[in-house]
Amino acid sequence: MTDTPRGTACERPDATVSEAQQAQAMHLGIAFDGHQFVYHDFKYDRLPDAVAYAELEAARGEGQAPVTNLEAWHDRPVPSAAERVIMQPLGIRFEGWRYRYHIYRYDRLADALNYARG
């Protein structure tokens, strides 16, 4: 575990993931795609769930995904002040790291805007 890549606070996806948690996740082969934590073909909203499954596979001897690096950890999208001005009159909200329009959730603001303007 000494070869685990390390990041700095500004490279973590959000403040809820500590530098130590990110280092552990990268060592287990977990990446962050900007919305979810990714392990093999599985996607998780919560890092502890991804870590638990990766550790379970390792304990079973099923092999480990290749160690990830900081390039595999993207920033979470957060709407700018200008985007919030566009969203507000259309009733689009930013909740749980996703854009919400009525009952629909979108990963990209452009998709929520297209539907709202429909």
PDB file of N, CA and C in Angstrom:
ATOM      1  N   MET A   1       0.819  -1.191   0.000  1.00  0.00           N
ATOM      2  CA  MET A   1       0.000   0.000   0.000  1.00  0.00           C
ATOM      3  C   MET A   1       0.870   1.264   0.000  1.00  0.00           C
ATOM      4  N   THR A   2       2.161   1.095  -0.034  1.00  0.00           N
ATOM      5  CA  THR A   2       3.033   2.253  -0.038  1.00  0.00           C
ATOM      6  C   THR A   2       3.046   2.977  -1.374  1.00  0.00           C
ATOM      7  N   ASP A   3       2.622   2.321  -2.446  1.00  0.00           N
ATOM      8  CA  ASP A   3       2.609   2.942  -3.765  1.00  0.00           C
ATOM      9  C   ASP A   3       1.303   3.657  -4.065  1.00  0.00           C
ATOM     10  N   THR A   4       0.435   3.803  -3.089  1.00  0.00           N
ATOM     11  CA  THR A   4      -0.859   4.431  -3.303  1.00  0.00           C
ATOM     12  C   THR A   4      -0.679   5.887  -3.702  1.00  0.00           C
ATOM     13  N   PRO A   5      -1.258   6.309  -4.832  1.00  0.00           N
ATOM     14  CA  PRO A   5      -1.173   7.718  -5.214  1.00  0.00           C
ATOM     15  C   PRO A   5      -1.873   8.588  -4.187  1.00  0.00           C
ATOM     16  N   ARG A   6      -1.380   9.775  -3.984  1.00  0.00           N
ATOM     17  CA  ARG A   6      -1.984  10.681  -3.012  1.00  0.00           C
ATOM     18  C   ARG A   6      -2.405  11.960  -3.699  1.00  0.00           C
ATOM     19  N   GLY A   7      -3.485  12.550  -3.225  1.00  0.00           N
ATOM     20  CA  GLY A   7      -3.968  13.796  -3.794  1.00  0.00           C
ATOM     21  C   GLY A   7      -3.938  14.897  -2.754  1.00  0.00           C
ATOM     22  N   THR A   8      -4.372  16.053  -3.151  1.00  0.00           N
ATOM     23  CA  THR A   8      -4.497  17.166  -2.214  1.00  0.00           C
ATOM     24  C   THR A   8      -5.969  17.509  -2.091  1.00  0.00           C
ATOM     25  N   ALA A   9      -6.294  18.356  -1.149  1.00  0.00           N
ATOM     26  CA  ALA A   9      -7.700  18.670  -0.874  1.00  0.00           C
ATOM     27  C   ALA A   9      -8.419  19.182  -2.117  1.00  0.00           C
ATOM     28  N   CYS A  10      -7.753  19.966  -2.941  1.00  0.00           N
ATOM     29  CA  CYS A  10      -8.436  20.532  -4.100  1.00  0.00           C
ATOM     30  C   CYS A  10      -8.682  19.485  -5.188  1.00  0.00           C
ATOM     31  N   GLU A  11      -8.043  18.326  -5.094  1.00  0.00           N
ATOM     32  CA  GLU A  11      -8.228  17.297  -6.111  1.00  0.00           C
ATOM     33  C   GLU A  11      -9.308  16.282  -5.724  1.00  0.00           C
ATOM     34  N   ARG A  12      -9.825  16.357  -4.513  1.00  0.00           N
ATOM     35  CA  ARG A  12     -10.859  15.428  -4.084  1.00  0.00           C
ATOM     36  C   ARG A  12     -12.204  15.873  -4.646  1.00  0.00           C
ATOM     37  N   PRO A  13     -13.129  14.931  -4.884  1.00  0.00           N
ATOM     38  CA  PRO A  13     -14.402  15.295  -5.492  1.00  0.00           C
ATOM     39  C   PRO A  13     -15.267  16.204  -4.631  1.00  0.00           C
ATOM     40  N   ASP A  14     -15.205  16.066  -3.328  1.00  0.00           N
ATOM     41  CA  ASP A  14     -15.941  16.966  -2.447  1.00  0.00           C
ATOM     42  C   ASP A  14     -15.375  16.829  -1.041  1.00  0.00           C
ATOM     43  N   ALA A  15     -15.825  17.701  -0.163  1.00  0.00           N
ATOM     44  CA  ALA A  15     -15.269  17.742   1.190  1.00  0.00           C
ATOM     45  C   ALA A  15     -15.632  16.522   2.023  1.00  0.00           C
ATOM     46  N   THR A  16     -16.602  15.703   1.595  1.00  0.00           N
ATOM     47  CA  THR A  16     -16.990  14.537   2.378  1.00  0.00           C
ATOM     48  C   THR A  16     -16.022  13.383   2.197  1.00  0.00           C
ATOM     49  N   VAL A  17     -15.114  13.471   1.233  1.00  0.00           N
ATOM     50  CA  VAL A  17     -14.128  12.427   0.992  1.00  0.00           C
ATOM     51  C   VAL A  17     -12.776  12.954   1.448  1.00  0.00           C
ATOM     52  N   SER A  18     -12.233  12.330   2.488  1.00  0.00           N
ATOM     53  CA  SER A  18     -10.941  12.778   2.994  1.00  0.00           C
ATOM     54  C   SER A  18      -9.821  12.308   2.068  1.00  0.00           C
ATOM     55  N   GLU A  19      -8.664  12.883   2.250  1.00  0.00           N
ATOM     56  CA  GLU A  19      -7.499  12.488   1.453  1.00  0.00           C
ATOM     57  C   GLU A  19      -7.173  11.012   1.687  1.00  0.00           C
ATOM     58  N   ALA A  20      -7.292  10.565   2.935  1.00  0.00           N
ATOM     59  CA  ALA A  20      -7.021   9.161   3.252  1.00  0.00           C
ATOM     60  C   ALA A  20      -8.041   8.233   2.595  1.00  0.00           C
ATOM     61  N   GLN A  21      -9.319   8.626   2.597  1.00  0.00           N
ATOM     62  CA  GLN A  21     -10.349   7.803   1.955  1.00  0.00           C
ATOM     63  C   GLN A  21     -10.111   7.725   0.452  1.00  0.00           C
ATOM     64  N   GLN A  22      -9.727   8.840  -0.153  1.00  0.00           N
ATOM     65  CA  GLN A  22      -9.463   8.837  -1.587  1.00  0.00           C
ATOM     66  C   GLN A  22      -8.273   7.938  -1.905  1.00  0.00           C
ATOM     67  N   ALA A  23      -7.217   8.011  -1.115  1.00  0.00           N
ATOM     68  CA  ALA A  23      -6.039   7.172  -1.331  1.00  0.00           C
ATOM     69  C   ALA A  23      -6.407   5.694  -1.218  1.00  0.00           C
ATOM     70  N   GLN A  24      -7.216   5.342  -0.210  1.00  0.00           N
ATOM     71  CA  GLN A  24      -7.657   3.956  -0.038  1.00  0.00           C
ATOM     72  C   GLN A  24      -8.482   3.503  -1.238  1.00  0.00           C
ATOM     73  N   ALA A  25      -9.397   4.363  -1.676  1.00  0.00           N
ATOM     74  CA  ALA A  25     -10.257   4.015  -2.808  1.00  0.00           C
ATOM     75  C   ALA A  25      -9.436   3.822  -4.077  1.00  0.00           C
ATOM     76  N   MET A  26      -8.495   4.707  -4.323  1.00  0.00           N
ATOM     77  CA  MET A  26      -7.667   4.573  -5.518  1.00  0.00           C
ATOM     78  C   MET A  26      -6.847   3.291  -5.460  1.00  0.00           C
ATOM     79  N   HIS A  27      -6.358   2.927  -4.273  1.00  0.00           N
ATOM     80  CA  HIS A  27      -5.597   1.685  -4.120  1.00  0.00           C
ATOM     81  C   HIS A  27      -6.467   0.466  -4.446  1.00  0.00           C
ATOM     82  N   LEU A  28      -7.757   0.555  -4.144  1.00  0.00           N
ATOM     83  CA  LEU A  28      -8.683  -0.544  -4.423  1.00  0.00           C
ATOM     84  C   LEU A  28      -9.168  -0.554  -5.870  1.00  0.00           C
ATOM     85  N   GLY A  29      -8.810   0.463  -6.649  1.00  0.00           N
ATOM     86  CA  GLY A  29      -9.242   0.520  -8.041  1.00  0.00           C
ATOM     87  C   GLY A  29     -10.542   1.268  -8.243  1.00  0.00           C
ATOM     88  N   ILE A  30     -10.915   2.112  -7.300  1.00  0.00           N
ATOM     89  CA  ILE A  30     -12.150   2.890  -7.379  1.00  0.00           C
ATOM     90  C   ILE A  30     -11.828   4.254  -7.981  1.00  0.00           C
ATOM     91  N   ALA A  31     -12.652   4.693  -8.905  1.00  0.00           N
ATOM     92  CA  ALA A  31     -12.510   6.001  -9.525  1.00  0.00           C
ATOM     93  C   ALA A  31     -13.762   6.827  -9.231  1.00  0.00           C
ATOM     94  N   PHE A  32     -13.743   8.082  -9.623  1.00  0.00           N
ATOM     95  CA  PHE A  32     -14.899   8.959  -9.450  1.00  0.00           C
ATOM     96  C   PHE A  32     -15.139   9.659 -10.775  1.00  0.00           C
ATOM     97  N   ASP A  33     -16.325   9.452 -11.376  1.00  0.00           N
ATOM     98  CA  ASP A  33     -16.598   9.963 -12.723  1.00  0.00           C
ATOM     99  C   ASP A  33     -17.241  11.354 -12.738  1.00  0.00           C
ATOM    100  N   GLY A  34     -17.255  12.008 -11.609  1.00  0.00           N
ATOM    101  CA  GLY A  34     -17.881  13.325 -11.517  1.00  0.00           C
ATOM    102  C   GLY A  34     -19.258  13.258 -10.883  1.00  0.00           C
ATOM    103  N   HIS A  35     -19.847  12.066 -10.888  1.00  0.00           N
ATOM    104  CA  HIS A  35     -21.165  11.872 -10.279  1.00  0.00           C
ATOM    105  C   HIS A  35     -21.173  10.709  -9.306  1.00  0.00           C
ATOM    106  N   GLN A  36     -20.519   9.634  -9.674  1.00  0.00           N
ATOM    107  CA  GLN A  36     -20.566   8.422  -8.862  1.00  0.00           C
ATOM    108  C   GLN A  36     -19.173   7.817  -8.742  1.00  0.00           C
ATOM    109  N   PHE A  37     -19.019   6.994  -7.719  1.00  0.00           N
ATOM    110  CA  PHE A  37     -17.798   6.243  -7.523  1.00  0.00           C
ATOM    111  C   PHE A  37     -17.909   4.971  -8.362  1.00  0.00           C
ATOM    112  N   VAL A  38     -16.866   4.644  -9.103  1.00  0.00           N
ATOM    113  CA  VAL A  38     -16.908   3.555 -10.076  1.00  0.00           C
ATOM    114  C   VAL A  38     -15.904   2.483  -9.688  1.00  0.00           C
ATOM    115  N   TYR A  39     -16.382   1.246  -9.584  1.00  0.00           N
ATOM    116  CA  TYR A  39     -15.539   0.086  -9.338  1.00  0.00           C
ATOM    117  C   TYR A  39     -15.935  -0.982 -10.345  1.00  0.00           C
ATOM    118  N   HIS A  40     -15.015  -1.390 -11.190  1.00  0.00           N
ATOM    119  CA  HIS A  40     -15.309  -2.281 -12.316  1.00  0.00           C
ATOM    120  C   HIS A  40     -16.472  -1.671 -13.103  1.00  0.00           C
ATOM    121  N   ASP A  41     -17.545  -2.418 -13.292  1.00  0.00           N
ATOM    122  CA  ASP A  41     -18.710  -1.911 -14.026  1.00  0.00           C
ATOM    123  C   ASP A  41     -19.806  -1.388 -13.091  1.00  0.00           C
ATOM    124  N   PHE A  42     -19.510  -1.308 -11.811  1.00  0.00           N
ATOM    125  CA  PHE A  42     -20.500  -0.895 -10.822  1.00  0.00           C
ATOM    126  C   PHE A  42     -20.326   0.581 -10.478  1.00  0.00           C
ATOM    127  N   LYS A  43     -21.431   1.265 -10.242  1.00  0.00           N
ATOM    128  CA  LYS A  43     -21.401   2.673  -9.859  1.00  0.00           C
ATOM    129  C   LYS A  43     -22.124   2.839  -8.529  1.00  0.00           C
ATOM    130  N   TYR A  44     -21.552   3.666  -7.679  1.00  0.00           N
ATOM    131  CA  TYR A  44     -22.072   3.868  -6.331  1.00  0.00           C
ATOM    132  C   TYR A  44     -22.222   5.357  -6.047  1.00  0.00           C
ATOM    133  N   ASP A  45     -23.288   5.720  -5.357  1.00  0.00           N
ATOM    134  CA  ASP A  45     -23.472   7.103  -4.930  1.00  0.00           C
ATOM    135  C   ASP A  45     -22.632   7.412  -3.695  1.00  0.00           C
ATOM    136  N   ARG A  46     -22.355   6.385  -2.891  1.00  0.00           N
ATOM    137  CA  ARG A  46     -21.609   6.574  -1.647  1.00  0.00           C
ATOM    138  C   ARG A  46     -20.277   5.830  -1.718  1.00  0.00           C
ATOM    139  N   LEU A  47     -19.197   6.512  -1.377  1.00  0.00           N
ATOM    140  CA  LEU A  47     -17.880   5.894  -1.384  1.00  0.00           C
ATOM    141  C   LEU A  47     -17.792   4.675  -0.459  1.00  0.00           C
ATOM    142  N   PRO A  48     -18.361   4.708   0.759  1.00  0.00           N
ATOM    143  CA  PRO A  48     -18.259   3.522   1.617  1.00  0.00           C
ATOM    144  C   PRO A  48     -18.850   2.259   0.975  1.00  0.00           C
ATOM    145  N   ASP A  49     -19.873   2.396   0.157  1.00  0.00           N
ATOM    146  CA  ASP A  49     -20.451   1.229  -0.513  1.00  0.00           C
ATOM    147  C   ASP A  49     -19.477   0.650  -1.538  1.00  0.00           C
ATOM    148  N   ALA A  50     -18.818   1.525  -2.290  1.00  0.00           N
ATOM    149  CA  ALA A  50     -17.841   1.057  -3.283  1.00  0.00           C
ATOM    150  C   ALA A  50     -16.659   0.383  -2.597  1.00  0.00           C
ATOM    151  N   VAL A  51     -16.185   0.983  -1.509  1.00  0.00           N
ATOM    152  CA  VAL A  51     -15.056   0.414  -0.767  1.00  0.00           C
ATOM    153  C   VAL A  51     -15.433  -0.948  -0.199  1.00  0.00           C
ATOM    154  N   ALA A  52     -16.623  -1.061   0.378  1.00  0.00           N
ATOM    155  CA  ALA A  52     -17.061  -2.334   0.972  1.00  0.00           C
ATOM    156  C   ALA A  52     -17.082  -3.439  -0.072  1.00  0.00           C
ATOM    157  N   TYR A  53     -17.597  -3.156  -1.261  1.00  0.00           N
ATOM    158  CA  TYR A  53     -17.652  -4.187  -2.291  1.00  0.00           C
ATOM    159  C   TYR A  53     -16.260  -4.540  -2.800  1.00  0.00           C
ATOM    160  N   ALA A  54     -15.406  -3.540  -2.994  1.00  0.00           N
ATOM    161  CA  ALA A  54     -14.033  -3.797  -3.458  1.00  0.00           C
ATOM    162  C   ALA A  54     -13.286  -4.648  -2.436  1.00  0.00           C
ATOM    163  N   GLU A  55     -13.462  -4.344  -1.156  1.00  0.00           N
ATOM    164  CA  GLU A  55     -12.812  -5.133  -0.111  1.00  0.00           C
ATOM    165  C   GLU A  55     -13.372  -6.545  -0.043  1.00  0.00           C
ATOM    166  N   LEU A  56     -14.671  -6.693  -0.262  1.00  0.00           N
ATOM    167  CA  LEU A  56     -15.291  -8.022  -0.286  1.00  0.00           C
ATOM    168  C   LEU A  56     -14.703  -8.865  -1.410  1.00  0.00           C
ATOM    169  N   GLU A  57     -14.576  -8.284  -2.603  1.00  0.00           N
ATOM    170  CA  GLU A  57     -13.980  -9.015  -3.723  1.00  0.00           C
ATOM    171  C   GLU A  57     -12.537  -9.395  -3.432  1.00  0.00           C
ATOM    172  N   ALA A  58     -11.795  -8.493  -2.834  1.00  0.00           N
ATOM    173  CA  ALA A  58     -10.399  -8.778  -2.502  1.00  0.00           C
ATOM    174  C   ALA A  58     -10.312  -9.911  -1.487  1.00  0.00           C
ATOM    175  N   ALA A  59     -11.206  -9.918  -0.484  1.00  0.00           N
ATOM    176  CA  ALA A  59     -11.215 -10.971   0.533  1.00  0.00           C
ATOM    177  C   ALA A  59     -11.578 -12.324  -0.070  1.00  0.00           C
ATOM    178  N   ARG A  60     -12.408 -12.325  -1.090  1.00  0.00           N
ATOM    179  CA  ARG A  60     -12.799 -13.556  -1.772  1.00  0.00           C
ATOM    180  C   ARG A  60     -11.703 -14.059  -2.710  1.00  0.00           C
ATOM    181  N   GLY A  61     -10.698 -13.228  -2.921  1.00  0.00           N
ATOM    182  CA  GLY A  61      -9.625 -13.602  -3.837  1.00  0.00           C
ATOM    183  C   GLY A  61     -10.014 -13.457  -5.293  1.00  0.00           C
ATOM    184  N   GLU A  62     -10.994 -12.610  -5.569  1.00  0.00           N
ATOM    185  CA  GLU A  62     -11.494 -12.442  -6.936  1.00  0.00           C
ATOM    186  C   GLU A  62     -10.673 -11.432  -7.730  1.00  0.00           C
ATOM    187  N   GLY A  63      -9.575 -11.007  -7.171  1.00  0.00           N
ATOM    188  CA  GLY A  63      -8.742 -10.050  -7.888  1.00  0.00           C
ATOM    189  C   GLY A  63      -9.161  -8.625  -7.598  1.00  0.00           C
ATOM    190  N   GLN A  64      -8.255  -7.750  -7.886  1.00  0.00           N
ATOM    191  CA  GLN A  64      -8.490  -6.332  -7.614  1.00  0.00           C
ATOM    192  C   GLN A  64      -8.404  -5.549  -8.915  1.00  0.00           C
ATOM    193  N   ALA A  65      -9.203  -4.531  -9.020  1.00  0.00           N
ATOM    194  CA  ALA A  65      -9.121  -3.642 -10.178  1.00  0.00           C
ATOM    195  C   ALA A  65      -7.778  -2.919 -10.127  1.00  0.00           C
ATOM    196  N   PRO A  66      -7.266  -2.489 -11.271  1.00  0.00           N
ATOM    197  CA  PRO A  66      -6.009  -1.743 -11.260  1.00  0.00           C
ATOM    198  C   PRO A  66      -6.125  -0.484 -10.408  1.00  0.00           C
ATOM    199  N   VAL A  67      -5.040  -0.134  -9.752  1.00  0.00           N
ATOM    200  CA  VAL A  67      -5.004   1.079  -8.941  1.00  0.00           C
ATOM    201  C   VAL A  67      -5.325   2.270  -9.833  1.00  0.00           C
ATOM    202  N   THR A  68      -6.184   3.159  -9.356  1.00  0.00           N
ATOM    203  CA  THR A  68      -6.530   4.348 -10.128  1.00  0.00           C
ATOM    204  C   THR A  68      -5.609   5.496  -9.723  1.00  0.00           C
ATOM    205  N   ASN A  69      -5.696   6.582 -10.458  1.00  0.00           N
ATOM    206  CA  ASN A  69      -4.886   7.753 -10.147  1.00  0.00           C
ATOM    207  C   ASN A  69      -5.783   8.989 -10.163  1.00  0.00           C
ATOM    208  N   LEU A  70      -5.215  10.133  -9.918  1.00  0.00           N
ATOM    209  CA  LEU A  70      -6.019  11.352  -9.804  1.00  0.00           C
ATOM    210  C   LEU A  70      -6.751  11.700 -11.093  1.00  0.00           C
ATOM    211  N   GLU A  71      -6.224  11.295 -12.249  1.00  0.00           N
ATOM    212  CA  GLU A  71      -6.919  11.566 -13.510  1.00  0.00           C
ATOM    213  C   GLU A  71      -8.255  10.829 -13.584  1.00  0.00           C
ATOM    214  N   ALA A  72      -8.426   9.770 -12.794  1.00  0.00           N
ATOM    215  CA  ALA A  72      -9.681   9.017 -12.770  1.00  0.00           C
ATOM    216  C   ALA A  72     -10.678   9.604 -11.772  1.00  0.00           C
ATOM    217  N   TRP A  73     -10.303  10.694 -11.102  1.00  0.00           N
ATOM    218  CA  TRP A  73     -11.174  11.339 -10.124  1.00  0.00           C
ATOM    219  C   TRP A  73     -11.524  12.723 -10.643  1.00  0.00           C
ATOM    220  N   HIS A  74     -12.743  12.880 -11.106  1.00  0.00           N
ATOM    221  CA  HIS A  74     -13.203  14.142 -11.682  1.00  0.00           C
ATOM    222  C   HIS A  74     -13.900  14.990 -10.626  1.00  0.00           C
ATOM    223  N   ASP A  75     -13.950  16.274 -10.853  1.00  0.00           N
ATOM    224  CA  ASP A  75     -14.660  17.176  -9.943  1.00  0.00           C
ATOM    225  C   ASP A  75     -16.162  16.971 -10.077  1.00  0.00           C
ATOM    226  N   ARG A  76     -16.851  17.163  -8.975  1.00  0.00           N
ATOM    227  CA  ARG A  76     -18.314  17.139  -9.026  1.00  0.00           C
ATOM    228  C   ARG A  76     -18.787  18.402  -9.720  1.00  0.00           C
ATOM    229  N   PRO A  77     -19.790  18.274 -10.585  1.00  0.00           N
ATOM    230  CA  PRO A  77     -20.314  19.486 -11.225  1.00  0.00           C
ATOM    231  C   PRO A  77     -21.162  20.282 -10.238  1.00  0.00           C
ATOM    232  N   VAL A  78     -20.915  21.541 -10.166  1.00  0.00           N
ATOM    233  CA  VAL A  78     -21.697  22.440  -9.316  1.00  0.00           C
ATOM    234  C   VAL A  78     -22.087  23.618 -10.192  1.00  0.00           C
ATOM    235  N   PRO A  79     -23.388  23.941 -10.251  1.00  0.00           N
ATOM    236  CA  PRO A  79     -23.801  25.044 -11.124  1.00  0.00           C
ATOM    237  C   PRO A  79     -23.229  26.382 -10.671  1.00  0.00           C
ATOM    238  N   SER A  80     -22.841  27.168 -11.646  1.00  0.00           N
ATOM    239  CA  SER A  80     -22.327  28.512 -11.372  1.00  0.00           C
ATOM    240  C   SER A  80     -23.493  29.440 -11.024  1.00  0.00           C
ATOM    241  N   ALA A  81     -23.164  30.636 -10.597  1.00  0.00           N
ATOM    242  CA  ALA A  81     -24.200  31.629 -10.284  1.00  0.00           C
ATOM    243  C   ALA A  81     -25.023  31.949 -11.528  1.00  0.00           C
ATOM    244  N   ALA A  82     -24.366  32.053 -12.689  1.00  0.00           N
ATOM    245  CA  ALA A  82     -25.087  32.344 -13.934  1.00  0.00           C
ATOM    246  C   ALA A  82     -26.027  31.199 -14.307  1.00  0.00           C
ATOM    247  N   GLU A  83     -25.594  29.961 -14.080  1.00  0.00           N
ATOM    248  CA  GLU A  83     -26.462  28.818 -14.374  1.00  0.00           C
ATOM    249  C   GLU A  83     -27.655  28.776 -13.429  1.00  0.00           C
ATOM    250  N   ARG A  84     -27.443  29.132 -12.179  1.00  0.00           N
ATOM    251  CA  ARG A  84     -28.555  29.156 -11.212  1.00  0.00           C
ATOM    252  C   ARG A  84     -29.602  30.199 -11.599  1.00  0.00           C
ATOM    253  N   VAL A  85     -29.173  31.302 -12.183  1.00  0.00           N
ATOM    254  CA  VAL A  85     -30.104  32.337 -12.659  1.00  0.00           C
ATOM    255  C   VAL A  85     -30.971  31.772 -13.781  1.00  0.00           C
ATOM    256  N   ILE A  86     -30.416  30.940 -14.641  1.00  0.00           N
ATOM    257  CA  ILE A  86     -31.177  30.308 -15.726  1.00  0.00           C
ATOM    258  C   ILE A  86     -32.108  29.232 -15.169  1.00  0.00           C
ATOM    259  N   MET A  87     -31.643  28.478 -14.190  1.00  0.00           N
ATOM    260  CA  MET A  87     -32.401  27.362 -13.630  1.00  0.00           C
ATOM    261  C   MET A  87     -33.635  27.827 -12.857  1.00  0.00           C
ATOM    262  N   GLN A  88     -33.495  28.876 -12.072  1.00  0.00           N
ATOM    263  CA  GLN A  88     -34.523  29.295 -11.118  1.00  0.00           C
ATOM    264  C   GLN A  88     -35.890  29.520 -11.754  1.00  0.00           C
ATOM    265  N   PRO A  89     -36.026  30.308 -12.808  1.00  0.00           N
ATOM    266  CA  PRO A  89     -37.372  30.529 -13.342  1.00  0.00           C
ATOM    267  C   PRO A  89     -38.000  29.289 -13.988  1.00  0.00           C
ATOM    268  N   LEU A  90     -37.159  28.324 -14.344  1.00  0.00           N
ATOM    269  CA  LEU A  90     -37.674  27.089 -14.950  1.00  0.00           C
ATOM    270  C   LEU A  90     -38.034  26.039 -13.898  1.00  0.00           C
ATOM    271  N   GLY A  91     -37.690  26.321 -12.637  1.00  0.00           N
ATOM    272  CA  GLY A  91     -37.996  25.370 -11.574  1.00  0.00           C
ATOM    273  C   GLY A  91     -37.012  24.216 -11.483  1.00  0.00           C
ATOM    274  N   ILE A  92     -35.811  24.387 -12.007  1.00  0.00           N
ATOM    275  CA  ILE A  92     -34.786  23.348 -11.927  1.00  0.00           C
ATOM    276  C   ILE A  92     -33.999  23.564 -10.644  1.00  0.00           C
ATOM    277  N   ARG A  93     -33.829  22.485  -9.882  1.00  0.00           N
ATOM    278  CA  ARG A  93     -33.086  22.548  -8.627  1.00  0.00           C
ATOM    279  C   ARG A  93     -31.839  21.672  -8.729  1.00  0.00           C
ATOM    280  N   PHE A  94     -30.843  21.975  -7.931  1.00  0.00           N
ATOM    281  CA  PHE A  94     -29.642  21.161  -7.846  1.00  0.00           C
ATOM    282  C   PHE A  94     -29.684  20.434  -6.516  1.00  0.00           C
ATOM    283  N   GLU A  95     -29.912  19.103  -6.559  1.00  0.00           N
ATOM    284  CA  GLU A  95     -30.081  18.301  -5.345  1.00  0.00           C
ATOM    285  C   GLU A  95     -29.269  17.026  -5.464  1.00  0.00           C
ATOM    286  N   GLY A  96     -28.560  16.691  -4.431  1.00  0.00           N
ATOM    287  CA  GLY A  96     -27.842  15.423  -4.412  1.00  0.00           C
ATOM    288  C   GLY A  96     -26.884  15.260  -5.574  1.00  0.00           C
ATOM    289  N   TRP A  97     -26.232  16.349  -5.969  1.00  0.00           N
ATOM    290  CA  TRP A  97     -25.256  16.362  -7.064  1.00  0.00           C
ATOM    291  C   TRP A  97     -25.881  16.101  -8.418  1.00  0.00           C
ATOM    292  N   ARG A  98     -27.204  16.283  -8.519  1.00  0.00           N
ATOM    293  CA  ARG A  98     -27.896  16.132  -9.799  1.00  0.00           C
ATOM    294  C   ARG A  98     -28.882  17.287  -9.965  1.00  0.00           C
ATOM    295  N   TYR A  99     -29.260  17.508 -11.201  1.00  0.00           N
ATOM    296  CA  TYR A  99     -30.250  18.547 -11.512  1.00  0.00           C
ATOM    297  C   TYR A  99     -31.624  17.890 -11.482  1.00  0.00           C
ATOM    298  N   ARG A 100     -32.569  18.571 -10.873  1.00  0.00           N
ATOM    299  CA  ARG A 100     -33.911  18.001 -10.742  1.00  0.00           C
ATOM    300  C   ARG A 100     -34.930  18.959 -11.342  1.00  0.00           C
ATOM    301  N   TYR A 101     -35.787  18.399 -12.197  1.00  0.00           N
ATOM    302  CA  TYR A 101     -36.912  19.134 -12.768  1.00  0.00           C
ATOM    303  C   TYR A 101     -38.143  18.276 -12.537  1.00  0.00           C
ATOM    304  N   HIS A 102     -39.046  18.748 -11.720  1.00  0.00           N
ATOM    305  CA  HIS A 102     -40.216  17.974 -11.270  1.00  0.00           C
ATOM    306  C   HIS A 102     -39.733  16.655 -10.691  1.00  0.00           C
ATOM    307  N   ILE A 103     -40.172  15.526 -11.215  1.00  0.00           N
ATOM    308  CA  ILE A 103     -39.757  14.230 -10.670  1.00  0.00           C
ATOM    309  C   ILE A 103     -38.526  13.669 -11.382  1.00  0.00           C
ATOM    310  N   TYR A 104     -38.005  14.373 -12.351  1.00  0.00           N
ATOM    311  CA  TYR A 104     -36.907  13.859 -13.167  1.00  0.00           C
ATOM    312  C   TYR A 104     -35.563  14.342 -12.642  1.00  0.00           C
ATOM    313  N   ARG A 105     -34.552  13.464 -12.727  1.00  0.00           N
ATOM    314  CA  ARG A 105     -33.191  13.803 -12.315  1.00  0.00           C
ATOM    315  C   ARG A 105     -32.268  13.701 -13.521  1.00  0.00           C
ATOM    316  N   TYR A 106     -31.343  14.628 -13.609  1.00  0.00           N
ATOM    317  CA  TYR A 106     -30.412  14.687 -14.743  1.00  0.00           C
ATOM    318  C   TYR A 106     -28.991  14.856 -14.240  1.00  0.00           C
ATOM    319  N   ASP A 107     -28.055  14.199 -14.889  1.00  0.00           N
ATOM    320  CA  ASP A 107     -26.643  14.386 -14.567  1.00  0.00           C
ATOM    321  C   ASP A 107     -26.120  15.689 -15.163  1.00  0.00           C
ATOM    322  N   ARG A 108     -26.685  16.102 -16.274  1.00  0.00           N
ATOM    323  CA  ARG A 108     -26.215  17.303 -16.971  1.00  0.00           C
ATOM    324  C   ARG A 108     -27.277  18.391 -16.953  1.00  0.00           C
ATOM    325  N   LEU A 109     -26.862  19.617 -16.698  1.00  0.00           N
ATOM    326  CA  LEU A 109     -27.793  20.741 -16.696  1.00  0.00           C
ATOM    327  C   LEU A 109     -28.439  20.915 -18.062  1.00  0.00           C
ATOM    328  N   ALA A 110     -27.685  20.718 -19.126  1.00  0.00           N
ATOM    329  CA  ALA A 110     -28.220  20.895 -20.477  1.00  0.00           C
ATOM    330  C   ALA A 110     -29.438  20.006 -20.708  1.00  0.00           C
ATOM    331  N   ASP A 111     -29.411  18.785 -20.189  1.00  0.00           N
ATOM    332  CA  ASP A 111     -30.553  17.879 -20.363  1.00  0.00           C
ATOM    333  C   ASP A 111     -31.778  18.375 -19.599  1.00  0.00           C
ATOM    334  N   ALA A 112     -31.572  18.850 -18.380  1.00  0.00           N
ATOM    335  CA  ALA A 112     -32.695  19.394 -17.592  1.00  0.00           C
ATOM    336  C   ALA A 112     -33.277  20.635 -18.266  1.00  0.00           C
ATOM    337  N   LEU A 113     -32.408  21.492 -18.782  1.00  0.00           N
ATOM    338  CA  LEU A 113     -32.884  22.696 -19.484  1.00  0.00           C
ATOM    339  C   LEU A 113     -33.682  22.327 -20.740  1.00  0.00           C
ATOM    340  N   ASN A 114     -33.185  21.369 -21.502  1.00  0.00           N
ATOM    341  CA  ASN A 114     -33.903  20.960 -22.723  1.00  0.00           C
ATOM    342  C   ASN A 114     -35.296  20.440 -22.392  1.00  0.00           C
ATOM    343  N   TYR A 115     -35.411  19.628 -21.357  1.00  0.00           N
ATOM    344  CA  TYR A 115     -36.725  19.089 -21.004  1.00  0.00           C
ATOM    345  C   TYR A 115     -37.638  20.194 -20.474  1.00  0.00           C
ATOM    346  N   ALA A 116     -37.097  21.052 -19.608  1.00  0.00           N
ATOM    347  CA  ALA A 116     -37.913  22.127 -19.015  1.00  0.00           C
ATOM    348  C   ALA A 116     -38.410  23.097 -20.077  1.00  0.00           C
ATOM    349  N   ARG A 117     -37.607  23.350 -21.068  1.00  0.00           N
ATOM    350  CA  ARG A 117     -37.997  24.277 -22.132  1.00  0.00           C
ATOM    351  C   ARG A 117     -38.884  23.597 -23.176  1.00  0.00           C
ATOM    352  N   GLY A 118     -38.847  22.256 -23.164  1.00  0.00           N
ATOM    353  CA  GLY A 118     -39.555  21.350 -24.038  1.00  0.00           C
ATOM    354  C   GLY A 118     -40.495  21.853 -24.979  1.00  0.00           C
TER     355      GLY A 118
END
